[in-house]
């Protein structure tokens, strides 16, 4: 009689079978569908931010100076609040900065663990608003210096907008719903269209100067930025007008769910990749001193979420007429 005992099964076969089951299990947990995948990616970005917050630079006077540098030129109430926040953090920077980083760790891990996604998103909404105020000065919107090229309206607020749309519960569009998500997208992109027309973005050398001031940290990226800067030199208004028109088209086309909605979402990804390279320099993460990768990756993630909610066409189901033999 032939034995079917497991002792005869090669150990390598058993181990490989177990390993073959790990991949699908991880995919099912972290990327079961588009929304769960977006939650996972958002969680990983929050963990990246936490890692950047643990940099030695963030425990130095340089971090405080970076925060305080956003205060001049702002409305009095914003200037005073930023100064208060910077001075408060400077009083015990080791404790405060470690706390900042750990909050982001909690958010990131909470988004990766299914049972705590809602709690993590709630915390992220509060923290994003706090950082948008004290860490980004509301994306410099009150100074008329904000530009989509450099990350306006502020990277951290896009974290919250993504969170609203990927809120778990089975409702497409999360807390906003599908229509609300489209309206939100349209509002953000129309704001960006307006920002492109401000003098700070539309001046003859405005784009050139912003690219020259962008962080880099890599020679190939610096060369790429220099090339784009030379192209835009003296032609800032033309480029700003084109980018404003494209931003308005992307906002309105997706907002009304037009026929080109998916194409416009793809165009928004292309634009944000360009912004991330030449205007944001990957958020400065390769140069040192960055707190996040800037807004472009979040815009790309938001575009992906909207893409998932935007069908190519609405299928019409024809019900047979029972009266017809």
Protein backbone atom coordinates (compact mmCIF):
# COMPACT_ATOMS: atom_id res chain seq x y z
CA UNK A 1 0.00 0.00 0.00
CA UNK A 2 1.26 3.47 -0.85
CA UNK A 3 1.55 5.83 2.08
CA UNK A 4 0.06 9.32 1.90
CA UNK A 5 1.84 10.54 5.01
CA UNK A 6 2.95 14.17 4.91
CA UNK A 7 6.38 12.97 5.99
CA UNK A 8 6.96 11.92 2.41
CA UNK A 9 6.20 15.46 1.08
CA UNK A 10 9.43 17.37 0.41
CA UNK A 11 10.02 20.15 2.92
CA UNK A 12 10.88 22.55 0.10
CA UNK A 13 7.48 21.94 -1.47
CA UNK A 14 5.65 22.77 1.78
CA UNK A 15 7.70 25.94 2.29
CA UNK A 16 7.15 27.12 -1.26
CA UNK A 17 3.43 26.48 -0.95
CA UNK A 18 3.27 28.63 2.18
CA UNK A 19 5.25 31.38 0.48
CA UNK A 20 2.98 31.25 -2.55
CA UNK A 21 0.02 31.98 -0.30
CA UNK A 22 1.64 34.99 1.37
CA UNK A 23 1.57 37.23 -1.70
CA UNK A 24 -2.16 36.82 -2.44
CA UNK A 25 -2.98 37.21 1.24
CA UNK A 26 -1.08 40.51 1.46
CA UNK A 27 -2.69 41.76 -1.74
CA UNK A 28 -6.12 40.82 -0.42
CA UNK A 29 -5.46 42.69 2.83
CA UNK A 30 -3.80 45.84 1.53
CA UNK A 31 -5.02 46.08 -2.09
CA UNK A 32 -8.34 44.26 -2.17
CA UNK A 33 -9.85 47.02 -4.32
CA UNK A 34 -9.08 50.54 -5.47
CA UNK A 35 -10.21 52.26 -2.27
CA UNK A 36 -8.34 49.86 0.00
CA UNK A 37 -5.26 50.33 -2.16
CA UNK A 38 -5.56 54.10 -1.80
CA UNK A 39 -5.84 53.74 1.99
CA UNK A 40 -2.66 51.66 1.98
CA UNK A 41 -0.73 54.11 -0.18
CA UNK A 42 -1.88 57.04 1.95
CA UNK A 43 -0.75 55.17 5.06
CA UNK A 44 2.69 54.57 3.52
CA UNK A 45 3.01 58.27 2.66
CA UNK A 46 2.17 59.20 6.26
CA UNK A 47 4.89 56.79 7.42
CA UNK A 48 7.32 58.41 4.98
CA UNK A 49 6.45 61.77 6.52
CA UNK A 50 7.06 60.33 9.98
CA UNK A 51 10.47 59.09 8.91
CA UNK A 52 11.35 62.51 7.52
CA UNK A 53 10.20 64.11 10.77
CA UNK A 54 12.72 61.97 12.66
CA UNK A 55 15.62 63.50 10.68
CA UNK A 56 18.28 65.18 12.79
CA UNK A 57 17.52 68.48 11.05
CA UNK A 58 14.07 68.49 12.62
CA UNK A 59 15.68 68.49 16.06
CA UNK A 60 17.81 71.51 15.22
CA UNK A 61 17.26 75.25 15.18
CA UNK A 62 16.94 75.00 11.41
CA UNK A 63 13.47 73.45 11.72
CA UNK A 64 12.26 76.31 13.91
CA UNK A 65 13.70 78.85 11.48
CA UNK A 66 11.91 77.08 8.63
CA UNK A 67 8.59 77.42 10.45
CA UNK A 68 9.17 81.05 11.44
CA UNK A 69 10.17 81.98 7.88
CA UNK A 70 6.57 81.63 6.75
CA UNK A 71 5.29 84.31 9.12
CA UNK A 72 6.54 87.57 7.50
CA UNK A 73 4.05 89.14 5.13
CA UNK A 74 1.09 87.12 6.39
CA UNK A 75 -2.02 88.66 7.97
CA UNK A 76 -1.37 89.65 11.58
CA UNK A 77 -3.46 86.85 13.07
CA UNK A 78 -1.59 84.26 11.02
CA UNK A 79 1.84 85.78 11.68
CA UNK A 80 1.26 85.85 15.43
CA UNK A 81 -0.04 82.28 15.52
CA UNK A 82 2.90 80.94 13.50
CA UNK A 83 5.37 82.80 15.71
CA UNK A 84 3.64 81.41 18.80
CA UNK A 85 3.77 77.87 17.40
CA UNK A 86 7.45 78.13 16.44
CA UNK A 87 8.44 79.59 19.82
CA UNK A 88 6.42 76.97 21.68
CA UNK A 89 8.06 74.12 19.77
CA UNK A 90 11.51 75.68 20.28
CA UNK A 91 10.99 75.59 24.04
CA UNK A 92 11.31 71.80 24.09
CA UNK A 93 11.98 70.76 20.52
CA UNK A 94 13.03 67.20 21.32
CA UNK A 95 9.68 66.34 22.90
CA UNK A 96 7.55 68.29 20.46
CA UNK A 97 9.22 66.99 17.30
CA UNK A 98 9.16 63.41 18.53
CA UNK A 99 5.47 63.87 19.23
CA UNK A 100 4.93 65.28 15.72
CA UNK A 101 6.61 62.23 14.20
CA UNK A 102 4.79 59.71 16.39
CA UNK A 103 1.40 61.18 15.48
CA UNK A 104 2.22 60.51 11.85
CA UNK A 105 3.36 56.98 12.70
CA UNK A 106 0.02 56.35 14.40
CA UNK A 107 -1.87 57.67 11.37
CA UNK A 108 0.18 55.60 8.93
CA UNK A 109 -0.05 52.36 10.88
CA UNK A 110 -3.73 52.99 11.56
CA UNK A 111 -4.43 53.26 7.84
CA UNK A 112 -2.58 50.01 7.14
CA UNK A 113 -4.58 48.12 9.80
CA UNK A 114 -8.13 47.70 8.52
CA UNK A 115 -9.88 47.91 11.88
CA UNK A 116 -8.46 51.36 12.66
CA UNK A 117 -8.79 53.10 9.29
CA UNK A 118 -11.63 55.37 10.43
CA UNK A 119 -9.85 56.40 13.61
CA UNK A 120 -6.64 57.05 11.68
CA UNK A 121 -8.46 59.19 9.14
CA UNK A 122 -10.18 61.21 11.87
CA UNK A 123 -6.80 61.88 13.47
CA UNK A 124 -5.34 62.76 10.08
CA UNK A 125 -8.05 65.38 9.48
CA UNK A 126 -7.19 67.16 12.72
CA UNK A 127 -3.44 66.84 12.22
CA UNK A 128 -3.59 67.94 8.57
CA UNK A 129 -5.41 71.13 9.50
CA UNK A 130 -2.94 71.78 12.31
CA UNK A 131 0.06 71.35 10.00
CA UNK A 132 -1.62 73.30 7.17
CA UNK A 133 -1.95 76.22 9.61
CA UNK A 134 1.28 76.14 11.60
CA UNK A 135 3.52 74.23 9.21
CA UNK A 136 2.45 75.51 5.80
CA UNK A 137 0.75 78.86 6.59
CA UNK A 138 -2.30 77.70 4.63
CA UNK A 139 -0.16 77.07 1.58
CA UNK A 140 0.78 80.78 1.44
CA UNK A 141 -2.67 81.53 0.03
CA UNK A 142 -3.01 84.71 2.11
CA UNK A 143 0.16 86.18 0.62
CA UNK A 144 -0.80 85.80 -3.05
CA UNK A 145 2.45 83.88 -3.45
CA UNK A 146 1.01 80.39 -3.79
CA UNK A 147 1.70 78.52 -7.00
CA UNK A 148 0.61 75.03 -8.10
CA UNK A 149 4.14 74.53 -9.42
CA UNK A 150 5.56 74.64 -5.90
CA UNK A 151 2.73 72.75 -4.21
CA UNK A 152 -0.22 75.10 -3.66
CA UNK A 153 -2.71 74.94 -2.07
CA UNK A 154 -0.47 73.02 0.33
CA UNK A 155 0.39 69.35 0.38
CA UNK A 156 -0.99 68.45 3.77
CA UNK A 157 -4.54 69.61 3.04
CA UNK A 158 -4.63 67.19 0.10
CA UNK A 159 -4.00 64.37 2.61
CA UNK A 160 -7.28 65.31 4.26
CA UNK A 161 -9.16 65.58 0.95
CA UNK A 162 -7.97 62.14 -0.07
CA UNK A 163 -9.05 60.84 3.34
CA UNK A 164 -12.56 62.20 2.87
CA UNK A 165 -12.96 60.31 -0.41
CA UNK A 166 -11.51 56.98 0.78
CA UNK A 167 -13.47 56.87 4.03
CA UNK A 168 -14.47 53.21 4.54
CA UNK A 169 -18.05 52.07 4.73
CA UNK A 170 -18.99 51.00 1.24
CA UNK A 171 -20.18 54.42 0.10
CA UNK A 172 -18.48 55.34 -3.22
CA UNK A 173 -16.78 58.69 -2.72
CA UNK A 174 -16.49 58.19 1.03
CA UNK A 175 -17.86 60.99 3.19
CA UNK A 176 -18.32 63.25 0.16
CA UNK A 177 -20.08 60.81 -2.14
CA UNK A 178 -19.28 60.62 -5.83
CA UNK A 179 -20.80 63.98 -6.69
CA UNK A 180 -19.21 65.67 -3.69
CA UNK A 181 -15.80 64.22 -4.61
CA UNK A 182 -16.12 65.64 -8.11
CA UNK A 183 -17.17 69.04 -6.80
CA UNK A 184 -14.22 69.05 -4.42
CA UNK A 185 -11.86 68.16 -7.25
CA UNK A 186 -13.30 70.90 -9.45
CA UNK A 187 -12.99 73.49 -6.67
CA UNK A 188 -9.32 72.65 -6.03
CA UNK A 189 -8.36 72.75 -9.70
CA UNK A 190 -10.26 75.97 -10.35
CA UNK A 191 -8.38 77.48 -7.41
CA UNK A 192 -5.15 76.34 -9.03
CA UNK A 193 -6.26 77.89 -12.33
CA UNK A 194 -6.74 81.18 -10.49
CA UNK A 195 -3.37 80.92 -8.74
CA UNK A 196 -1.62 80.52 -12.09
CA UNK A 197 -2.90 83.96 -13.12
CA UNK A 198 -1.48 85.79 -10.10
CA UNK A 199 1.57 87.96 -10.69
CA UNK A 200 3.64 85.65 -8.53
CA UNK A 201 3.09 82.88 -11.10
CA UNK A 202 2.34 84.79 -14.29
CA UNK A 203 5.20 87.29 -14.26
CA UNK A 204 7.70 87.11 -17.09
CA UNK A 205 10.34 85.35 -15.00
CA UNK A 206 8.12 83.98 -12.23
CA UNK A 207 8.17 80.34 -13.34
CA UNK A 208 11.87 80.57 -14.18
CA UNK A 209 12.65 81.85 -10.70
CA UNK A 210 10.49 79.24 -8.96
CA UNK A 211 12.23 76.42 -10.82
CA UNK A 212 15.65 77.85 -9.99
CA UNK A 213 14.66 77.95 -6.32
CA UNK A 214 13.32 74.38 -6.29
CA UNK A 215 15.19 71.80 -4.21
CA UNK A 216 17.11 69.05 -5.95
CA UNK A 217 19.86 66.98 -4.33
CA UNK A 218 20.61 65.04 -7.56
CA UNK A 219 22.64 66.17 -10.54
CA UNK A 220 20.25 64.81 -13.17
CA UNK A 221 17.32 66.56 -11.51
CA UNK A 222 19.24 69.83 -11.35
CA UNK A 223 20.00 69.53 -15.08
CA UNK A 224 16.34 68.88 -15.83
CA UNK A 225 15.28 71.86 -13.77
CA UNK A 226 17.86 74.09 -15.46
CA UNK A 227 16.52 73.04 -18.85
CA UNK A 228 12.93 73.91 -17.98
CA UNK A 229 14.00 77.14 -16.33
CA UNK A 230 15.75 78.27 -19.50
CA UNK A 231 12.65 77.48 -21.60
CA UNK A 232 10.38 79.55 -19.36
CA UNK A 233 12.77 82.48 -18.96
CA UNK A 234 10.85 85.61 -19.99
CA UNK A 235 7.85 83.52 -21.09
CA UNK A 236 6.20 83.10 -17.72
CA UNK A 237 2.87 84.60 -18.67
CA UNK A 238 2.44 82.35 -21.70
CA UNK A 239 3.15 79.19 -19.71
CA UNK A 240 1.02 80.38 -16.79
CA UNK A 241 -1.94 81.12 -19.11
CA UNK A 242 -1.68 77.67 -20.70
CA UNK A 243 -1.42 75.91 -17.34
CA UNK A 244 -4.32 77.96 -15.97
CA UNK A 245 -6.51 76.93 -18.90
CA UNK A 246 -5.51 73.28 -18.50
CA UNK A 247 -6.23 73.43 -14.77
CA UNK A 248 -9.69 74.90 -15.39
CA UNK A 249 -10.43 72.24 -18.01
CA UNK A 250 -9.29 69.46 -15.67
CA UNK A 251 -11.43 70.82 -12.84
CA UNK A 252 -14.59 71.41 -14.85
CA UNK A 253 -14.31 68.32 -17.06
CA UNK A 254 -13.97 65.96 -14.11
CA UNK A 255 -16.42 67.93 -11.99
CA UNK A 256 -19.25 67.52 -14.49
CA UNK A 257 -18.15 63.95 -15.33
CA UNK A 258 -17.76 64.82 -18.99
CA UNK A 259 -16.81 62.41 -21.75
CA UNK A 260 -13.14 63.26 -21.33
CA UNK A 261 -13.12 62.93 -17.54
CA UNK A 262 -10.72 59.97 -17.49
CA UNK A 263 -8.42 61.60 -20.02
CA UNK A 264 -8.36 64.79 -17.97
CA UNK A 265 -7.53 62.83 -14.83
CA UNK A 266 -4.63 61.26 -16.71
CA UNK A 267 -3.53 64.75 -17.80
CA UNK A 268 -3.62 65.89 -14.18
CA UNK A 269 -1.21 63.08 -13.30
CA UNK A 270 1.18 64.15 -16.08
CA UNK A 271 1.09 67.76 -14.89
CA UNK A 272 1.73 66.79 -11.29
CA UNK A 273 4.65 64.57 -12.23
CA UNK A 274 6.08 67.60 -14.05
CA UNK A 275 5.42 69.87 -11.07
CA UNK A 276 6.99 67.31 -8.73
CA UNK A 277 10.15 67.17 -10.80
CA UNK A 278 10.84 70.75 -11.82
CA UNK A 279 8.98 72.83 -9.25
CA UNK A 280 8.99 70.71 -6.10
CA UNK A 281 12.15 68.64 -6.53
CA UNK A 282 10.53 65.56 -4.98
CA UNK A 283 9.66 67.78 -2.04
CA UNK A 284 13.36 68.16 -1.24
CA UNK A 285 13.55 64.70 0.32
CA UNK A 286 16.88 64.00 -1.43
CA UNK A 287 18.32 67.35 -0.43
CA UNK A 288 17.57 67.05 3.27
CA UNK A 289 15.31 69.01 5.58
CA UNK A 290 12.03 67.97 3.91
CA UNK A 291 9.00 67.16 6.05
CA UNK A 292 6.98 65.55 3.24
CA UNK A 293 7.18 64.79 -0.51
CA UNK A 294 5.04 67.89 -1.27
CA UNK A 295 1.60 67.89 -2.87
CA UNK A 296 2.16 66.20 -6.25
CA UNK A 297 2.05 62.57 -5.01
CA UNK A 298 -1.16 63.33 -3.12
CA UNK A 299 -2.72 64.91 -6.19
CA UNK A 300 -1.78 61.80 -8.15
CA UNK A 301 -3.36 59.58 -5.48
CA UNK A 302 -6.50 61.73 -5.50
CA UNK A 303 -6.63 61.48 -9.31
CA UNK A 304 -6.41 57.69 -9.00
CA UNK A 305 -9.31 57.64 -6.55
CA UNK A 306 -11.43 59.84 -8.83
CA UNK A 307 -10.44 57.62 -11.78
CA UNK A 308 -11.86 54.65 -9.88
CA UNK A 309 -15.13 56.57 -9.44
CA UNK A 310 -15.35 57.67 -13.07
CA UNK A 311 -16.71 55.02 -15.46
CA UNK A 312 -15.97 55.32 -19.14
CA UNK A 313 -19.66 55.21 -19.84
CA UNK A 314 -22.90 54.48 -18.08
CA UNK A 315 -24.27 51.16 -19.27
CA UNK A 316 -27.99 51.14 -19.95
CA UNK A 317 -29.73 47.93 -19.07
CA UNK A 318 -32.62 47.22 -21.39
CA UNK A 319 -35.42 45.28 -19.74
CA UNK A 320 -37.43 43.12 -22.16
CA UNK A 321 -41.05 44.17 -22.52
CA UNK A 322 -43.17 41.35 -21.17
CA UNK A 323 -46.06 42.36 -23.42
CA UNK A 324 -44.04 41.56 -26.55
CA UNK A 325 -44.36 37.87 -27.47
